[in-house]
Amino acid sequence: MNKVTRRTALLCTIAIMGAMLLACGAKTDKEAAGTASPSVSPSGSPAASAAPKESAAQTTRKYKDYKGHEIAIPTAPKRLIFFGETIGDLVALDYKPVGGGQTFMQGAVFEKQLQFEDVGFPLNLEKALSLKPDLIITGDTDEKAYESLSKIAPTLMFDTFAPLEERIVLLGDLIGKKQKAEEWLTAYKKKTESMWAKLQAAGMKPGETATVLTYYPGNKLFIMARAGLPQFIYDKNGFKTTPKVQAVLDADKGFEQISPEVLPEFAGDRIFILNPIPDEAKRSTEDLLKSRIWLDLPAVKKGNVYFMDIQKSNSDAATRDWLIEELPRLLTEKSK
């Protein structure tokens, strides 16, 4: 599975489960994620062929996105549509988009902090056009969707899986909030360093490993690697990866589907379970927790298992601020 395909499959998983995903492309990804491929709809709409002519005098600049599209974008967009699972980054930047996907908001820690028009999931072209955006930022890497959106307004593909430290500054620059982004990042680094120092003082041992897992419908067990909670806990001052999890990261994968039988090879000193949304996935989780394989894991025997709703495990800036408070609470409650 190539890099774009893996990223697209991971986007689907997160969006549907309420925490991490967006545009599914290849058939193999749809079968792996168990969901249909979101695409922009309706396609070929005559109304979508004409871009709104907002403020022709607005200052623009040339920009090349990470997929190679070269476009002219406004230096300070006023009517942004942001379509991606890290929309919570905008909360940290104190920026209100005119449109976005409510799918990515459901159950999130920032659900009540952003107000915008829902463009649907899949993204609806007519709705997007009606909002008269001056810029569209999308996490979808589907070229057909990109072409359709580009007829509405300048559109760029954005790597929502990039490390937060890189992503927030780039996003701030794109929306005219670069200084705000840099200030937020400076404060965030100080808070995370303080959090890890307190956890270490409270008994967290140097070199402790951790593993994040979740179930998807179809009795599919996934080890999470690149996006969401792992991005937060795999910190230079935080938890380390096991060799098997590190191999997933080295392969630039967002996740790895495994069988329960090999879970002991991936399990770290601490295990975080992302509570799934679908009932079928919940039942699979319950079955795992009763299994001999699970009960024999060292982390389970020591009580080092932690549960978190998948909707609250995203990698956006607003969720990160929440996790700085939530992770110590979670670990402290379990240690009592």
C-alpha atoms as a PDB file:
ATOM      1  CA  MET A   1       0.000   0.000   0.000  1.00  0.00           C
ATOM      2  CA  ASN A   2       1.605   3.302  -1.070  1.00  0.00           C
ATOM      3  CA  LYS A   3       1.923   6.404   1.108  1.00  0.00           C
ATOM      4  CA  VAL A   4      -1.044   8.278  -0.413  1.00  0.00           C
ATOM      5  CA  THR A   5      -3.238   5.196  -0.155  1.00  0.00           C
ATOM      6  CA  ARG A   6      -2.290   4.621   3.484  1.00  0.00           C
ATOM      7  CA  ARG A   7      -2.965   8.249   4.341  1.00  0.00           C
ATOM      8  CA  THR A   8      -6.315   8.198   2.586  1.00  0.00           C
ATOM      9  CA  ALA A   9      -7.379   5.007   4.363  1.00  0.00           C
ATOM     10  CA  LEU A  10      -6.451   6.510   7.715  1.00  0.00           C
ATOM     11  CA  LEU A  11      -8.471   9.623   6.950  1.00  0.00           C
ATOM     12  CA  CYS A  12     -11.553   7.436   6.372  1.00  0.00           C
ATOM     13  CA  THR A  13     -11.113   5.576   9.636  1.00  0.00           C
ATOM     14  CA  ILE A  14     -10.875   8.744  11.699  1.00  0.00           C
ATOM     15  CA  ALA A  15     -13.740  10.673  10.121  1.00  0.00           C
ATOM     16  CA  ILE A  16     -16.233   7.831  10.358  1.00  0.00           C
ATOM     17  CA  MET A  17     -15.206   6.877  13.885  1.00  0.00           C
ATOM     18  CA  GLY A  18     -15.277  10.514  14.976  1.00  0.00           C
ATOM     19  CA  ALA A  19     -11.562  11.061  15.543  1.00  0.00           C
ATOM     20  CA  MET A  20      -9.189  10.928  12.628  1.00  0.00           C
ATOM     21  CA  LEU A  21     -10.324  10.475   8.828  1.00  0.00           C
ATOM     22  CA  LEU A  22     -11.299  11.782   5.403  1.00  0.00           C
ATOM     23  CA  ALA A  23     -11.078  10.832   1.675  1.00  0.00           C
ATOM     24  CA  CYS A  24     -10.958   7.111   0.852  1.00  0.00           C
ATOM     25  CA  GLY A  25      -9.678   6.379  -2.625  1.00  0.00           C
ATOM     26  CA  ALA A  26      -8.583   2.872  -3.523  1.00  0.00           C
ATOM     27  CA  LYS A  27     -10.827  -0.187  -3.306  1.00  0.00           C
ATOM     28  CA  THR A  28      -8.420  -1.954  -0.967  1.00  0.00           C
ATOM     29  CA  ASP A  29      -8.632   0.935   1.464  1.00  0.00           C
ATOM     30  CA  LYS A  30     -12.421   0.886   1.451  1.00  0.00           C
ATOM     31  CA  GLU A  31     -12.421  -2.816   2.232  1.00  0.00           C
ATOM     32  CA  ALA A  32      -9.838  -2.347   5.000  1.00  0.00           C
ATOM     33  CA  ALA A  33     -11.658   0.571   6.590  1.00  0.00           C
ATOM     34  CA  GLY A  34     -15.137  -0.824   5.976  1.00  0.00           C
ATOM     35  CA  THR A  35     -16.542   2.468   4.663  1.00  0.00           C
ATOM     36  CA  ALA A  36     -17.523   4.050   1.365  1.00  0.00           C
ATOM     37  CA  SER A  37     -15.245   6.466  -0.436  1.00  0.00           C
ATOM     38  CA  PRO A  38     -16.152  10.070   0.306  1.00  0.00           C
ATOM     39  CA  SER A  39     -15.983  12.239  -2.798  1.00  0.00           C
ATOM     40  CA  VAL A  40     -17.145  15.720  -3.594  1.00  0.00           C
ATOM     41  CA  SER A  41     -20.773  15.747  -4.639  1.00  0.00           C
ATOM     42  CA  PRO A  42     -22.661  16.577  -6.715  1.00  0.00           C
ATOM     43  CA  SER A  43     -20.038  16.358  -9.479  1.00  0.00           C
ATOM     44  CA  GLY A  44     -20.170  18.325 -12.684  1.00  0.00           C
ATOM     45  CA  SER A  45     -22.653  20.815 -11.286  1.00  0.00           C
ATOM     46  CA  PRO A  46     -22.942  23.822 -13.676  1.00  0.00           C
ATOM     47  CA  ALA A  47     -23.162  26.122 -10.662  1.00  0.00           C
ATOM     48  CA  ALA A  48     -19.808  24.885  -9.415  1.00  0.00           C
ATOM     49  CA  SER A  49     -17.977  25.806 -12.604  1.00  0.00           C
ATOM     50  CA  ALA A  50     -18.003  29.515 -11.891  1.00  0.00           C
ATOM     51  CA  ALA A  51     -15.893  30.733  -8.982  1.00  0.00           C
ATOM     52  CA  PRO A  52     -17.350  33.622  -6.959  1.00  0.00           C
ATOM     53  CA  LYS A  53     -15.650  36.924  -7.757  1.00  0.00           C
ATOM     54  CA  GLU A  54     -14.953  38.309  -4.319  1.00  0.00           C
ATOM     55  CA  SER A  55     -12.808  41.397  -3.805  1.00  0.00           C
ATOM     56  CA  ALA A  56     -10.640  41.370  -6.896  1.00  0.00           C
ATOM     57  CA  ALA A  57      -8.320  43.834  -5.169  1.00  0.00           C
ATOM     58  CA  GLN A  58      -7.528  41.433  -2.320  1.00  0.00           C
ATOM     59  CA  THR A  59      -3.802  40.845  -1.890  1.00  0.00           C
ATOM     60  CA  THR A  60      -2.685  37.401  -3.019  1.00  0.00           C
ATOM     61  CA  ARG A  61       0.514  35.397  -3.029  1.00  0.00           C
ATOM     62  CA  LYS A  62       1.726  32.298  -4.772  1.00  0.00           C
ATOM     63  CA  TYR A  63       1.715  29.061  -2.813  1.00  0.00           C
ATOM     64  CA  LYS A  64       2.674  25.477  -3.607  1.00  0.00           C
ATOM     65  CA  ASP A  65       0.976  22.838  -1.474  1.00  0.00           C
ATOM     66  CA  TYR A  66       2.569  19.579  -0.386  1.00  0.00           C
ATOM     67  CA  LYS A  67       1.043  17.741  -3.335  1.00  0.00           C
ATOM     68  CA  GLY A  68       2.570  20.153  -5.835  1.00  0.00           C
ATOM     69  CA  HIS A  69      -0.407  22.359  -6.731  1.00  0.00           C
ATOM     70  CA  GLU A  70       0.706  25.933  -7.423  1.00  0.00           C
ATOM     71  CA  ILE A  71      -2.003  28.482  -6.704  1.00  0.00           C
ATOM     72  CA  ALA A  72      -2.568  32.126  -5.840  1.00  0.00           C
ATOM     73  CA  ILE A  73      -4.101  32.444  -2.380  1.00  0.00           C
ATOM     74  CA  PRO A  74      -5.262  35.473  -0.367  1.00  0.00           C
ATOM     75  CA  THR A  75      -2.709  36.661   2.187  1.00  0.00           C
ATOM     76  CA  ALA A  76      -5.423  36.996   4.835  1.00  0.00           C
ATOM     77  CA  PRO A  77      -8.473  34.914   3.863  1.00  0.00           C
ATOM     78  CA  LYS A  78     -11.751  36.064   5.375  1.00  0.00           C
ATOM     79  CA  ARG A  79     -14.049  33.289   4.156  1.00  0.00           C
ATOM     80  CA  LEU A  80     -12.248  30.000   4.687  1.00  0.00           C
ATOM     81  CA  ILE A  81     -13.671  26.519   4.239  1.00  0.00           C
ATOM     82  CA  PHE A  82     -11.574  23.987   6.178  1.00  0.00           C
ATOM     83  CA  PHE A  83     -12.333  20.340   5.409  1.00  0.00           C
ATOM     84  CA  GLY A  84     -10.284  18.013   7.577  1.00  0.00           C
ATOM     85  CA  GLU A  85     -10.080  16.260  10.920  1.00  0.00           C
ATOM     86  CA  THR A  86      -7.662  18.815  12.439  1.00  0.00           C
ATOM     87  CA  ILE A  87     -10.156  21.665  12.237  1.00  0.00           C
ATOM     88  CA  GLY A  88      -9.568  22.120  15.979  1.00  0.00           C
ATOM     89  CA  ASP A  89      -6.301  23.854  15.032  1.00  0.00           C
ATOM     90  CA  LEU A  90      -8.444  26.877  14.178  1.00  0.00           C
ATOM     91  CA  VAL A  91      -9.643  27.093  17.777  1.00  0.00           C
ATOM     92  CA  ALA A  92      -6.069  27.650  18.959  1.00  0.00           C
ATOM     93  CA  LEU A  93      -5.605  30.297  16.272  1.00  0.00           C
ATOM     94  CA  ASP A  94      -8.855  32.058  17.223  1.00  0.00           C
ATOM     95  CA  TYR A  95     -10.087  31.857  13.639  1.00  0.00           C
ATOM     96  CA  LYS A  96     -13.658  31.133  12.587  1.00  0.00           C
ATOM     97  CA  PRO A  97     -14.117  29.491   9.176  1.00  0.00           C
ATOM     98  CA  VAL A  98     -17.308  30.043   7.188  1.00  0.00           C
ATOM     99  CA  GLY A  99     -17.582  26.330   6.457  1.00  0.00           C
ATOM    100  CA  GLY A 100     -16.286  22.910   7.405  1.00  0.00           C
ATOM    101  CA  GLY A 101     -17.297  19.321   8.051  1.00  0.00           C
ATOM    102  CA  GLN A 102     -19.440  18.809  11.132  1.00  0.00           C
ATOM    103  CA  THR A 103     -18.460  15.135  10.907  1.00  0.00           C
ATOM    104  CA  PHE A 104     -15.079  16.093  12.330  1.00  0.00           C
ATOM    105  CA  MET A 105     -16.685  17.961  15.241  1.00  0.00           C
ATOM    106  CA  GLN A 106     -18.950  15.269  16.676  1.00  0.00           C
ATOM    107  CA  GLY A 107     -17.828  14.304  20.167  1.00  0.00           C
ATOM    108  CA  ALA A 108     -14.634  16.375  19.907  1.00  0.00           C
ATOM    109  CA  VAL A 109     -13.434  18.360  22.908  1.00  0.00           C
ATOM    110  CA  PHE A 110     -13.839  21.579  20.882  1.00  0.00           C
ATOM    111  CA  GLU A 111     -17.309  20.727  19.584  1.00  0.00           C
ATOM    112  CA  LYS A 112     -18.921  23.834  21.118  1.00  0.00           C
ATOM    113  CA  GLN A 113     -16.051  26.204  20.412  1.00  0.00           C
ATOM    114  CA  LEU A 114     -16.445  26.501  16.630  1.00  0.00           C
ATOM    115  CA  GLN A 115     -19.507  27.670  14.720  1.00  0.00           C
ATOM    116  CA  PHE A 116     -19.672  27.347  10.948  1.00  0.00           C
ATOM    117  CA  GLU A 117     -21.845  26.120   8.087  1.00  0.00           C
ATOM    118  CA  ASP A 118     -21.670  22.375   7.506  1.00  0.00           C
ATOM    119  CA  VAL A 119     -20.470  21.508   3.982  1.00  0.00           C
ATOM    120  CA  GLY A 120     -21.352  17.856   4.484  1.00  0.00           C
ATOM    121  CA  PHE A 121     -19.513  14.568   4.320  1.00  0.00           C
ATOM    122  CA  PRO A 122     -18.938  13.904   1.453  1.00  0.00           C
ATOM    123  CA  LEU A 123     -18.325  17.591   0.789  1.00  0.00           C
ATOM    124  CA  ASN A 124     -21.203  19.143  -1.159  1.00  0.00           C
ATOM    125  CA  LEU A 125     -20.118  21.475  -3.961  1.00  0.00           C
ATOM    126  CA  GLU A 126     -23.305  23.498  -4.100  1.00  0.00           C
ATOM    127  CA  LYS A 127     -23.138  24.171  -0.372  1.00  0.00           C
ATOM    128  CA  ALA A 128     -19.491  25.169  -0.628  1.00  0.00           C
ATOM    129  CA  LEU A 129     -20.251  27.495  -3.543  1.00  0.00           C
ATOM    130  CA  SER A 130     -23.079  29.169  -1.623  1.00  0.00           C
ATOM    131  CA  LEU A 131     -20.634  30.191   1.127  1.00  0.00           C
ATOM    132  CA  LYS A 132     -18.541  32.222  -1.347  1.00  0.00           C
ATOM    133  CA  PRO A 133     -15.171  31.144   0.132  1.00  0.00           C
ATOM    134  CA  ASP A 134     -11.987  32.988  -0.751  1.00  0.00           C
ATOM    135  CA  LEU A 135      -9.897  29.937   0.217  1.00  0.00           C
ATOM    136  CA  ILE A 136     -10.539  26.207   0.652  1.00  0.00           C
ATOM    137  CA  ILE A 137      -8.170  24.028   2.667  1.00  0.00           C
ATOM    138  CA  THR A 138      -8.797  20.303   2.350  1.00  0.00           C
ATOM    139  CA  GLY A 139      -7.237  17.200   3.828  1.00  0.00           C
ATOM    140  CA  ASP A 140      -8.670  15.173   0.930  1.00  0.00           C
ATOM    141  CA  THR A 141      -5.962  14.061  -1.517  1.00  0.00           C
ATOM    142  CA  ASP A 142      -8.384  12.987  -4.244  1.00  0.00           C
ATOM    143  CA  GLU A 143      -7.459  14.877  -7.435  1.00  0.00           C
ATOM    144  CA  LYS A 144     -10.983  14.837  -8.883  1.00  0.00           C
ATOM    145  CA  ALA A 145     -12.337  16.393  -5.703  1.00  0.00           C
ATOM    146  CA  TYR A 146      -9.543  18.953  -5.820  1.00  0.00           C
ATOM    147  CA  GLU A 147     -10.339  19.903  -9.413  1.00  0.00           C
ATOM    148  CA  SER A 148     -14.001  20.476  -8.574  1.00  0.00           C
ATOM    149  CA  LEU A 149     -13.198  22.557  -5.488  1.00  0.00           C
ATOM    150  CA  SER A 150     -10.685  24.651  -7.433  1.00  0.00           C
ATOM    151  CA  LYS A 151     -13.537  25.880  -9.639  1.00  0.00           C
ATOM    152  CA  ILE A 152     -15.154  27.405  -6.557  1.00  0.00           C
ATOM    153  CA  ALA A 153     -12.158  29.117  -4.929  1.00  0.00           C
ATOM    154  CA  PRO A 154      -8.377  28.788  -4.585  1.00  0.00           C
ATOM    155  CA  THR A 155      -7.903  25.344  -3.046  1.00  0.00           C
ATOM    156  CA  LEU A 156      -4.903  23.719  -1.432  1.00  0.00           C
ATOM    157  CA  MET A 157      -4.289  20.249  -0.102  1.00  0.00           C
ATOM    158  CA  PHE A 158      -3.111  20.298   3.491  1.00  0.00           C
ATOM    159  CA  ASP A 159      -1.229  17.527   5.293  1.00  0.00           C
ATOM    160  CA  THR A 160      -3.391  17.160   8.383  1.00  0.00           C
ATOM    161  CA  PHE A 161      -1.159  14.289   9.517  1.00  0.00           C
ATOM    162  CA  ALA A 162       1.956  16.473   9.677  1.00  0.00           C
ATOM    163  CA  PRO A 163       3.379  16.909  13.206  1.00  0.00           C
ATOM    164  CA  LEU A 164       1.493  19.593  15.109  1.00  0.00           C
ATOM    165  CA  GLU A 165       4.654  21.660  15.566  1.00  0.00           C
ATOM    166  CA  GLU A 166       4.977  21.977  11.775  1.00  0.00           C
ATOM    167  CA  ARG A 167       1.302  22.053  10.901  1.00  0.00           C
ATOM    168  CA  ILE A 168       0.115  24.825  13.240  1.00  0.00           C
ATOM    169  CA  VAL A 169       2.747  27.330  12.062  1.00  0.00           C
ATOM    170  CA  LEU A 170       2.039  26.599   8.397  1.00  0.00           C
ATOM    171  CA  LEU A 171      -1.704  26.913   8.939  1.00  0.00           C
ATOM    172  CA  GLY A 172      -1.197  30.165  10.823  1.00  0.00           C
ATOM    173  CA  ASP A 173       0.812  31.508   7.903  1.00  0.00           C
ATOM    174  CA  LEU A 174      -1.864  30.448   5.401  1.00  0.00           C
ATOM    175  CA  ILE A 175      -4.666  32.273   7.214  1.00  0.00           C
ATOM    176  CA  GLY A 176      -2.725  35.359   8.242  1.00  0.00           C
ATOM    177  CA  LYS A 177      -2.216  34.231  11.843  1.00  0.00           C
ATOM    178  CA  LYS A 178       1.435  33.216  11.840  1.00  0.00           C
ATOM    179  CA  GLN A 179       2.373  35.210  14.959  1.00  0.00           C
ATOM    180  CA  LYS A 180      -0.616  33.785  16.830  1.00  0.00           C
ATOM    181  CA  ALA A 181       0.480  30.267  15.807  1.00  0.00           C
ATOM    182  CA  GLU A 182       4.050  30.828  16.987  1.00  0.00           C
ATOM    183  CA  GLU A 183       2.843  32.212  20.319  1.00  0.00           C
ATOM    184  CA  TRP A 184       0.515  29.248  20.807  1.00  0.00           C
ATOM    185  CA  LEU A 185       3.279  26.782  19.970  1.00  0.00           C
ATOM    186  CA  THR A 186       5.711  28.387  22.418  1.00  0.00           C
ATOM    187  CA  ALA A 187       3.144  28.192  25.211  1.00  0.00           C
ATOM    188  CA  TYR A 188       2.199  24.625  24.245  1.00  0.00           C
ATOM    189  CA  LYS A 189       5.803  23.426  24.425  1.00  0.00           C
ATOM    190  CA  LYS A 190       6.211  24.894  27.894  1.00  0.00           C
ATOM    191  CA  LYS A 191       3.009  23.256  29.103  1.00  0.00           C
ATOM    192  CA  THR A 192       3.887  19.840  27.705  1.00  0.00           C
ATOM    193  CA  GLU A 193       7.385  19.945  29.188  1.00  0.00           C
ATOM    194  CA  SER A 194       5.874  20.814  32.553  1.00  0.00           C
ATOM    195  CA  MET A 195       3.305  18.002  32.228  1.00  0.00           C
ATOM    196  CA  TRP A 196       5.924  15.340  31.465  1.00  0.00           C
ATOM    197  CA  ALA A 197       8.151  16.590  34.289  1.00  0.00           C
ATOM    198  CA  LYS A 198       5.266  16.230  36.743  1.00  0.00           C
ATOM    199  CA  LEU A 199       4.423  12.751  35.475  1.00  0.00           C
ATOM    200  CA  GLN A 200       8.043  11.665  35.820  1.00  0.00           C
ATOM    201  CA  ALA A 201       8.118  13.051  39.359  1.00  0.00           C
ATOM    202  CA  ALA A 202       4.934  11.096  40.071  1.00  0.00           C
ATOM    203  CA  GLY A 203       6.521   7.786  39.094  1.00  0.00           C
ATOM    204  CA  MET A 204       6.670   7.553  35.317  1.00  0.00           C
ATOM    205  CA  LYS A 205       9.853   5.644  34.582  1.00  0.00           C
ATOM    206  CA  PRO A 206      12.438   6.629  31.936  1.00  0.00           C
ATOM    207  CA  GLY A 207      12.042   4.595  28.764  1.00  0.00           C
ATOM    208  CA  GLU A 208       8.525   3.367  29.498  1.00  0.00           C
ATOM    209  CA  THR A 209       6.771   2.233  26.340  1.00  0.00           C
ATOM    210  CA  ALA A 210       3.156   2.702  25.349  1.00  0.00           C
ATOM    211  CA  THR A 211       0.791   1.314  22.738  1.00  0.00           C
ATOM    212  CA  VAL A 212      -2.456   2.778  21.374  1.00  0.00           C
ATOM    213  CA  LEU A 213      -5.076   0.473  19.880  1.00  0.00           C
ATOM    214  CA  THR A 214      -8.674   0.487  18.751  1.00  0.00           C
ATOM    215  CA  TYR A 215     -11.216  -1.769  17.058  1.00  0.00           C
ATOM    216  CA  TYR A 216     -13.081  -1.107  13.842  1.00  0.00           C
ATOM    217  CA  PRO A 217     -16.248  -2.907  12.660  1.00  0.00           C
ATOM    218  CA  GLY A 218     -15.493  -6.273  11.153  1.00  0.00           C
ATOM    219  CA  ASN A 219     -13.511  -7.362  14.212  1.00  0.00           C
ATOM    220  CA  LYS A 220     -10.506  -5.403  12.954  1.00  0.00           C
ATOM    221  CA  LEU A 221      -7.893  -4.524  15.544  1.00  0.00           C
ATOM    222  CA  PHE A 222      -5.626  -1.588  14.765  1.00  0.00           C
ATOM    223  CA  ILE A 223      -2.410  -0.370  16.330  1.00  0.00           C
ATOM    224  CA  MET A 224      -2.398   3.411  15.969  1.00  0.00           C
ATOM    225  CA  ALA A 225       0.873   5.052  15.025  1.00  0.00           C
ATOM    226  CA  ARG A 226       1.106   8.367  13.205  1.00  0.00           C
ATOM    227  CA  ALA A 227      -2.047  10.357  13.991  1.00  0.00           C
ATOM    228  CA  GLY A 228      -4.054  11.308  17.035  1.00  0.00           C
ATOM    229  CA  LEU A 229      -3.079  10.270  20.552  1.00  0.00           C
ATOM    230  CA  PRO A 230       0.228   8.607  19.542  1.00  0.00           C
ATOM    231  CA  GLN A 231       1.493  11.959  18.224  1.00  0.00           C
ATOM    232  CA  PHE A 232       0.977  13.358  21.701  1.00  0.00           C
ATOM    233  CA  ILE A 233       2.340  10.594  23.907  1.00  0.00           C
ATOM    234  CA  TYR A 234       5.358   9.676  21.745  1.00  0.00           C
ATOM    235  CA  ASP A 235       7.226  12.743  22.876  1.00  0.00           C
ATOM    236  CA  LYS A 236      10.944  13.155  23.527  1.00  0.00           C
ATOM    237  CA  ASN A 237      10.027  13.553  27.204  1.00  0.00           C
ATOM    238  CA  GLY A 238       7.168  11.075  27.083  1.00  0.00           C
ATOM    239  CA  PHE A 239       6.502   7.444  26.299  1.00  0.00           C
ATOM    240  CA  LYS A 240       8.587   5.455  23.859  1.00  0.00           C
ATOM    241  CA  THR A 241       7.430   3.060  21.168  1.00  0.00           C
ATOM    242  CA  THR A 242       7.912  -0.685  21.221  1.00  0.00           C
ATOM    243  CA  PRO A 243      10.071  -2.009  18.322  1.00  0.00           C
ATOM    244  CA  LYS A 244       6.990  -3.303  16.512  1.00  0.00           C
ATOM    245  CA  VAL A 245       5.153   0.017  16.785  1.00  0.00           C
ATOM    246  CA  GLN A 246       8.285   1.866  15.732  1.00  0.00           C
ATOM    247  CA  ALA A 247       8.391  -0.287  12.611  1.00  0.00           C
ATOM    248  CA  VAL A 248       4.893   0.952  11.736  1.00  0.00           C
ATOM    249  CA  LEU A 249       6.047   4.545  12.173  1.00  0.00           C
ATOM    250  CA  ASP A 250       9.205   3.923  10.145  1.00  0.00           C
ATOM    251  CA  ALA A 251       7.027   2.630   7.326  1.00  0.00           C
ATOM    252  CA  ASP A 252       5.174   5.978   7.454  1.00  0.00           C
ATOM    253  CA  LYS A 253       1.874   4.289   8.262  1.00  0.00           C
ATOM    254  CA  GLY A 254      -0.914   5.862  10.241  1.00  0.00           C
ATOM    255  CA  PHE A 255      -1.958   2.493  11.639  1.00  0.00           C
ATOM    256  CA  GLU A 256      -1.424  -1.237  11.303  1.00  0.00           C
ATOM    257  CA  GLN A 257      -4.126  -3.894  11.397  1.00  0.00           C
ATOM    258  CA  ILE A 258      -3.050  -6.888  13.461  1.00  0.00           C
ATOM    259  CA  SER A 259      -4.546 -10.084  14.813  1.00  0.00           C
ATOM    260  CA  PRO A 260      -5.040 -10.361  18.587  1.00  0.00           C
ATOM    261  CA  GLU A 261      -2.591 -13.268  18.575  1.00  0.00           C
ATOM    262  CA  VAL A 262       0.351 -10.950  17.842  1.00  0.00           C
ATOM    263  CA  LEU A 263      -0.744  -8.201  20.240  1.00  0.00           C
ATOM    264  CA  PRO A 264       1.891  -9.234  22.817  1.00  0.00           C
ATOM    265  CA  GLU A 265       4.555  -8.297  20.257  1.00  0.00           C
ATOM    266  CA  PHE A 266       3.182  -4.742  20.011  1.00  0.00           C
ATOM    267  CA  ALA A 267       2.049  -4.139  23.592  1.00  0.00           C
ATOM    268  CA  GLY A 268       4.044  -1.656  25.651  1.00  0.00           C
ATOM    269  CA  ASP A 269       4.385  -1.035  29.370  1.00  0.00           C
ATOM    270  CA  ARG A 270       1.174   0.979  29.148  1.00  0.00           C
ATOM    271  CA  ILE A 271      -1.765   0.450  26.813  1.00  0.00           C
ATOM    272  CA  PHE A 272      -4.272   3.060  25.693  1.00  0.00           C
ATOM    273  CA  ILE A 273      -7.563   1.835  24.229  1.00  0.00           C
ATOM    274  CA  LEU A 274      -9.552   4.243  22.072  1.00  0.00           C
ATOM    275  CA  ASN A 275     -13.209   3.488  22.739  1.00  0.00           C
ATOM    276  CA  PRO A 276     -14.890   2.962  19.337  1.00  0.00           C
ATOM    277  CA  ILE A 277     -18.294   4.305  18.350  1.00  0.00           C
ATOM    278  CA  PRO A 278     -19.991   1.417  16.443  1.00  0.00           C
ATOM    279  CA  ASP A 279     -21.595  -1.264  18.611  1.00  0.00           C
ATOM    280  CA  GLU A 280     -19.900  -4.039  16.650  1.00  0.00           C
ATOM    281  CA  ALA A 281     -16.479  -2.564  17.407  1.00  0.00           C
ATOM    282  CA  LYS A 282     -17.451  -2.157  21.065  1.00  0.00           C
ATOM    283  CA  ARG A 283     -18.322  -5.863  21.244  1.00  0.00           C
ATOM    284  CA  SER A 284     -14.972  -6.765  19.691  1.00  0.00           C
ATOM    285  CA  THR A 285     -13.249  -4.675  22.342  1.00  0.00           C
ATOM    286  CA  GLU A 286     -15.184  -6.405  25.121  1.00  0.00           C
ATOM    287  CA  ASP A 287     -14.253  -9.810  23.717  1.00  0.00           C
ATOM    288  CA  LEU A 288     -10.577  -8.849  23.631  1.00  0.00           C
ATOM    289  CA  LEU A 289     -10.673  -7.713  27.257  1.00  0.00           C
ATOM    290  CA  LYS A 290     -11.940 -11.153  28.283  1.00  0.00           C
ATOM    291  CA  SER A 291      -9.393 -13.115  26.270  1.00  0.00           C
ATOM    292  CA  ARG A 292      -6.452 -15.026  27.703  1.00  0.00           C
ATOM    293  CA  ILE A 293      -4.085 -13.178  25.375  1.00  0.00           C
ATOM    294  CA  TRP A 294      -5.175  -9.864  26.863  1.00  0.00           C
ATOM    295  CA  LEU A 295      -5.220 -10.966  30.478  1.00  0.00           C
ATOM    296  CA  ASP A 296      -1.665 -12.306  30.194  1.00  0.00           C
ATOM    297  CA  LEU A 297      -0.180  -9.010  28.985  1.00  0.00           C
ATOM    298  CA  PRO A 298       2.234  -7.482  31.570  1.00  0.00           C
ATOM    299  CA  ALA A 299       0.586  -4.052  31.237  1.00  0.00           C
ATOM    300  CA  VAL A 300      -2.819  -5.565  31.983  1.00  0.00           C
ATOM    301  CA  LYS A 301      -1.535  -7.476  35.013  1.00  0.00           C
ATOM    302  CA  LYS A 302      -0.076  -4.244  36.401  1.00  0.00           C
ATOM    303  CA  GLY A 303      -3.243  -2.277  35.747  1.00  0.00           C
ATOM    304  CA  ASN A 304      -1.569   0.023  33.247  1.00  0.00           C
ATOM    305  CA  VAL A 305      -4.507   0.203  30.837  1.00  0.00           C
ATOM    306  CA  TYR A 306      -6.322   3.440  30.018  1.00  0.00           C
ATOM    307  CA  PHE A 307      -9.506   4.139  28.070  1.00  0.00           C
ATOM    308  CA  MET A 308     -10.317   7.230  26.038  1.00  0.00           C
ATOM    309  CA  ASP A 309     -13.147   8.002  23.613  1.00  0.00           C
ATOM    310  CA  ILE A 310     -11.805   7.982  20.076  1.00  0.00           C
ATOM    311  CA  GLN A 311     -13.499  11.311  19.305  1.00  0.00           C
ATOM    312  CA  LYS A 312     -11.281  12.914  21.937  1.00  0.00           C
ATOM    313  CA  SER A 313      -8.008  11.442  20.722  1.00  0.00           C
ATOM    314  CA  ASN A 314      -7.362  13.652  17.723  1.00  0.00           C
ATOM    315  CA  SER A 315      -4.110  15.494  17.017  1.00  0.00           C
ATOM    316  CA  ASP A 316      -5.482  19.000  16.553  1.00  0.00           C
ATOM    317  CA  ALA A 317      -4.296  21.887  18.722  1.00  0.00           C
ATOM    318  CA  ALA A 318      -7.507  22.244  20.751  1.00  0.00           C
ATOM    319  CA  THR A 319      -7.465  18.543  21.651  1.00  0.00           C
ATOM    320  CA  ARG A 320      -3.781  18.784  22.561  1.00  0.00           C
ATOM    321  CA  ASP A 321      -4.525  21.565  25.047  1.00  0.00           C
ATOM    322  CA  TRP A 322      -7.185  19.310  26.593  1.00  0.00           C
ATOM    323  CA  LEU A 323      -4.848  16.307  26.684  1.00  0.00           C
ATOM    324  CA  ILE A 324      -2.274  18.263  28.680  1.00  0.00           C
ATOM    325  CA  GLU A 325      -4.808  18.253  31.511  1.00  0.00           C
ATOM    326  CA  GLU A 326      -6.469  14.925  30.728  1.00  0.00           C
ATOM    327  CA  LEU A 327      -3.443  12.620  30.457  1.00  0.00           C
ATOM    328  CA  PRO A 328      -2.149  13.284  34.011  1.00  0.00           C
ATOM    329  CA  ARG A 329      -5.696  12.863  35.341  1.00  0.00           C
ATOM    330  CA  LEU A 330      -6.072   9.586  33.484  1.00  0.00           C
ATOM    331  CA  LEU A 331      -2.756   8.200  34.728  1.00  0.00           C
ATOM    332  CA  THR A 332      -3.254   9.481  38.262  1.00  0.00           C
ATOM    333  CA  GLU A 333      -6.727   8.005  38.609  1.00  0.00           C
ATOM    334  CA  LYS A 334      -5.466   4.598  37.527  1.00  0.00           C
ATOM    335  CA  SER A 335      -2.575   4.721  39.978  1.00  0.00           C
ATOM    336  CA  LYS A 336      -4.833   5.283  42.974  1.00  0.00           C
END
